[in-house]
């Protein structure tokens, strides 16, 4: 691949392929995967950490886009439930990418475009929860509970911990989500 045909999106696509193939994400590996020299990547990304940030941004932007599609016409508990299910589905489908994001330093996720991308997802949930809550503290607790449920599910399912044949991971997730929403109803209003 010549420098003229290389783009930041092609680099991110190749980087995601390496991550999903459990191949070390280095400029040397990335260059080989792209069929170019590693030096050709530097005009686009200064280092591997910048590539990680771009991968995370890409994930969160796609998640926001999917949420916008999946939440059309929904409100209340069905919308909150769909929010959780959409997050779980995309993250489960791309678990190696999610692992990369979870392993990124917290400070990296709290600045710049990555913070903005993550905040977009949080704002969607906050808007869905706002009509049900009378105070910020309660909304924060409910928001954290739902996010913990989603992230816990992703981590446990992705690492193979939910293999009990008595109940599928999806079924238990749906039941836990319903319990969380029921608990939320009794605390609101």
Protein backbone atom coordinates (compact mmCIF):
# COMPACT_ATOMS: atom_id res chain seq x y z
CA UNK A 1 0.00 0.00 0.00
CA UNK A 2 1.53 3.30 -1.01
CA UNK A 3 1.37 6.44 1.08
CA UNK A 4 -1.17 7.88 -1.37
CA UNK A 5 -3.64 5.09 -0.68
CA UNK A 6 -3.12 5.01 3.08
CA UNK A 7 -5.78 6.75 5.18
CA UNK A 8 -6.42 7.03 8.89
CA UNK A 9 -9.56 4.89 8.46
CA UNK A 10 -7.58 2.14 6.70
CA UNK A 11 -5.06 2.23 9.53
CA UNK A 12 -7.81 1.94 12.17
CA UNK A 13 -9.49 -0.90 10.29
CA UNK A 14 -6.19 -2.76 10.09
CA UNK A 15 -5.44 -2.02 13.76
CA UNK A 16 -8.82 -3.45 14.79
CA UNK A 17 -8.11 -6.56 12.72
CA UNK A 18 -4.81 -7.03 14.56
CA UNK A 19 -6.48 -6.54 17.96
CA UNK A 20 -9.23 -9.01 17.10
CA UNK A 21 -6.62 -11.52 15.88
CA UNK A 22 -4.80 -11.13 19.22
CA UNK A 23 -1.71 -9.83 17.43
CA UNK A 24 0.41 -7.22 19.19
CA UNK A 25 -0.54 -3.77 17.99
CA UNK A 26 2.79 -2.25 16.98
CA UNK A 27 3.64 0.02 14.07
CA UNK A 28 5.79 -2.78 12.63
CA UNK A 29 2.87 -5.25 12.71
CA UNK A 30 0.47 -2.59 11.46
CA UNK A 31 2.78 -1.71 8.57
CA UNK A 32 3.14 -5.37 7.60
CA UNK A 33 -0.63 -5.87 7.79
CA UNK A 34 -1.17 -2.82 5.59
CA UNK A 35 1.59 -3.83 3.17
CA UNK A 36 3.65 -0.72 3.85
CA UNK A 37 6.52 0.42 6.01
CA UNK A 38 5.79 1.36 9.60
CA UNK A 39 7.12 4.86 8.93
CA UNK A 40 4.13 5.51 6.63
CA UNK A 41 1.83 5.42 9.69
CA UNK A 42 3.54 8.27 11.55
CA UNK A 43 1.93 11.10 9.54
CA UNK A 44 -1.44 9.78 10.74
CA UNK A 45 -0.66 8.64 14.30
CA UNK A 46 2.27 9.66 16.47
CA UNK A 47 2.38 6.40 18.44
CA UNK A 48 0.45 3.25 19.31
CA UNK A 49 -1.39 5.06 22.12
CA UNK A 50 -2.85 7.43 19.51
CA UNK A 51 -4.03 4.40 17.52
CA UNK A 52 -5.67 3.01 20.68
CA UNK A 53 -7.50 6.30 21.16
CA UNK A 54 -8.66 6.26 17.53
CA UNK A 55 -9.92 2.67 17.90
CA UNK A 56 -11.83 3.62 21.06
CA UNK A 57 -13.28 6.72 19.39
CA UNK A 58 -14.39 4.61 16.45
CA UNK A 59 -16.09 2.13 18.79
CA UNK A 60 -17.97 4.78 20.78
CA UNK A 61 -19.03 6.68 17.65
CA UNK A 62 -20.43 3.49 16.15
CA UNK A 63 -22.16 2.73 19.47
CA UNK A 64 -23.81 6.16 19.52
CA UNK A 65 -24.90 5.72 15.91
CA UNK A 66 -26.37 2.27 16.69
CA UNK A 67 -28.14 3.64 19.78
CA UNK A 68 -29.68 6.43 17.71
CA UNK A 69 -31.08 3.83 15.31
CA UNK A 70 -32.25 1.39 17.96
CA UNK A 71 -33.91 3.99 20.19
CA UNK A 72 -36.06 5.63 17.51
CA UNK A 73 -39.66 5.72 18.74
CA UNK A 74 -38.83 4.35 22.20
CA UNK A 75 -39.20 6.07 25.55
CA UNK A 76 -39.28 5.13 29.21
CA UNK A 77 -38.29 1.67 30.37
CA UNK A 78 -38.34 0.12 26.86
CA UNK A 79 -35.78 2.74 25.75
CA UNK A 80 -33.56 2.15 28.79
CA UNK A 81 -33.78 -1.59 28.23
CA UNK A 82 -32.89 -1.20 24.54
CA UNK A 83 -29.97 1.07 25.46
CA UNK A 84 -28.54 -1.68 27.68
CA UNK A 85 -29.15 -4.40 25.10
CA UNK A 86 -27.55 -2.42 22.28
CA UNK A 87 -24.47 -1.67 24.39
CA UNK A 88 -24.17 -5.33 25.37
CA UNK A 89 -24.63 -6.61 21.82
CA UNK A 90 -22.05 -4.35 20.19
CA UNK A 91 -19.52 -4.85 22.99
CA UNK A 92 -19.98 -8.63 22.97
CA UNK A 93 -19.51 -8.72 19.20
CA UNK A 94 -16.27 -6.75 19.56
CA UNK A 95 -14.94 -8.01 22.88
CA UNK A 96 -11.23 -7.73 21.95
CA UNK A 97 -11.79 -4.04 21.14
CA UNK A 98 -13.65 -3.56 24.43
CA UNK A 99 -10.78 -5.24 26.30
CA UNK A 100 -8.36 -2.81 24.68
CA UNK A 101 -10.58 0.10 25.78
CA UNK A 102 -10.98 -1.22 29.32
CA UNK A 103 -7.20 -1.63 29.61
CA UNK A 104 -6.43 1.91 28.47
CA UNK A 105 -5.20 4.24 31.23
CA UNK A 106 -8.07 6.09 32.90
CA UNK A 107 -6.35 9.43 32.33
CA UNK A 108 -6.41 8.78 28.57
CA UNK A 109 -10.17 8.27 28.65
CA UNK A 110 -10.73 11.55 30.51
CA UNK A 111 -9.33 13.97 27.94
CA UNK A 112 -9.92 15.12 24.40
CA UNK A 113 -11.97 13.44 21.75
CA UNK A 114 -12.13 10.11 23.57
CA UNK A 115 -13.74 11.74 26.61
CA UNK A 116 -16.23 13.43 24.29
CA UNK A 117 -17.05 10.11 22.60
CA UNK A 118 -17.57 8.33 25.91
CA UNK A 119 -19.62 11.24 27.24
CA UNK A 120 -21.95 10.98 24.24
CA UNK A 121 -22.95 7.48 25.36
CA UNK A 122 -23.41 8.63 28.96
CA UNK A 123 -25.56 11.56 27.82
CA UNK A 124 -27.88 9.22 25.92
CA UNK A 125 -28.46 7.23 29.11
CA UNK A 126 -28.88 10.39 31.20
CA UNK A 127 -31.54 11.69 28.80
CA UNK A 128 -33.39 8.37 29.00
CA UNK A 129 -33.29 8.42 32.81
CA UNK A 130 -34.12 12.11 33.32
CA UNK A 131 -37.94 11.81 33.19
CA UNK A 132 -37.91 9.19 35.97
CA UNK A 133 -35.72 10.89 38.52
CA UNK A 134 -36.43 13.73 40.85
CA UNK A 135 -32.88 14.31 42.05
CA UNK A 136 -29.37 14.06 40.61
CA UNK A 137 -28.10 11.66 43.27
CA UNK A 138 -30.76 9.06 42.47
CA UNK A 139 -30.17 9.43 38.73
CA UNK A 140 -26.44 8.91 39.27
CA UNK A 141 -27.06 5.72 41.26
CA UNK A 142 -29.42 4.33 38.61
CA UNK A 143 -27.06 5.30 35.79
CA UNK A 144 -24.15 3.59 37.55
CA UNK A 145 -26.24 0.50 38.25
CA UNK A 146 -27.17 0.11 34.59
CA UNK A 147 -23.61 0.80 33.38
CA UNK A 148 -22.23 -1.70 35.92
CA UNK A 149 -24.72 -4.30 34.75
CA UNK A 150 -23.71 -3.77 31.12
CA UNK A 151 -19.95 -3.72 31.73
CA UNK A 152 -20.08 -6.63 34.17
CA UNK A 153 -22.04 -8.67 31.65
CA UNK A 154 -19.60 -7.86 28.87
CA UNK A 155 -16.55 -8.77 30.95
CA UNK A 156 -17.98 -11.99 32.38
CA UNK A 157 -19.50 -13.18 29.14
CA UNK A 158 -16.45 -12.17 27.10
CA UNK A 159 -14.11 -14.08 29.39
CA UNK A 160 -16.30 -17.18 29.30
CA UNK A 161 -17.61 -17.06 32.85
CA UNK A 162 -21.30 -17.37 31.93
CA UNK A 163 -21.33 -20.90 30.56
CA UNK A 164 -23.93 -22.49 32.86
CA UNK A 165 -26.33 -24.47 30.64
CA UNK A 166 -29.20 -23.80 33.06
CA UNK A 167 -29.58 -20.29 31.63
CA UNK A 168 -28.11 -18.40 28.71
CA UNK A 169 -26.12 -15.24 29.36
CA UNK A 170 -28.64 -13.25 27.34
CA UNK A 171 -31.56 -14.57 29.37
CA UNK A 172 -29.92 -13.79 32.69
CA UNK A 173 -28.93 -10.33 31.42
CA UNK A 174 -32.53 -9.60 30.43
CA UNK A 175 -33.77 -10.80 33.83
CA UNK A 176 -31.18 -8.72 35.71
CA UNK A 177 -32.07 -5.69 33.62
CA UNK A 178 -35.78 -6.18 34.37
CA UNK A 179 -34.97 -6.43 38.11
CA UNK A 180 -32.91 -3.26 37.91
CA UNK A 181 -35.72 -1.40 36.18
CA UNK A 182 -38.26 -2.68 38.73
CA UNK A 183 -36.03 -1.51 41.56
CA UNK A 184 -35.71 1.81 39.79
CA UNK A 185 -39.53 2.16 39.58
CA UNK A 186 -39.95 1.65 43.33
CA UNK A 187 -37.37 4.36 44.07
CA UNK A 188 -38.60 7.01 41.60
CA UNK A 189 -41.56 9.28 41.74
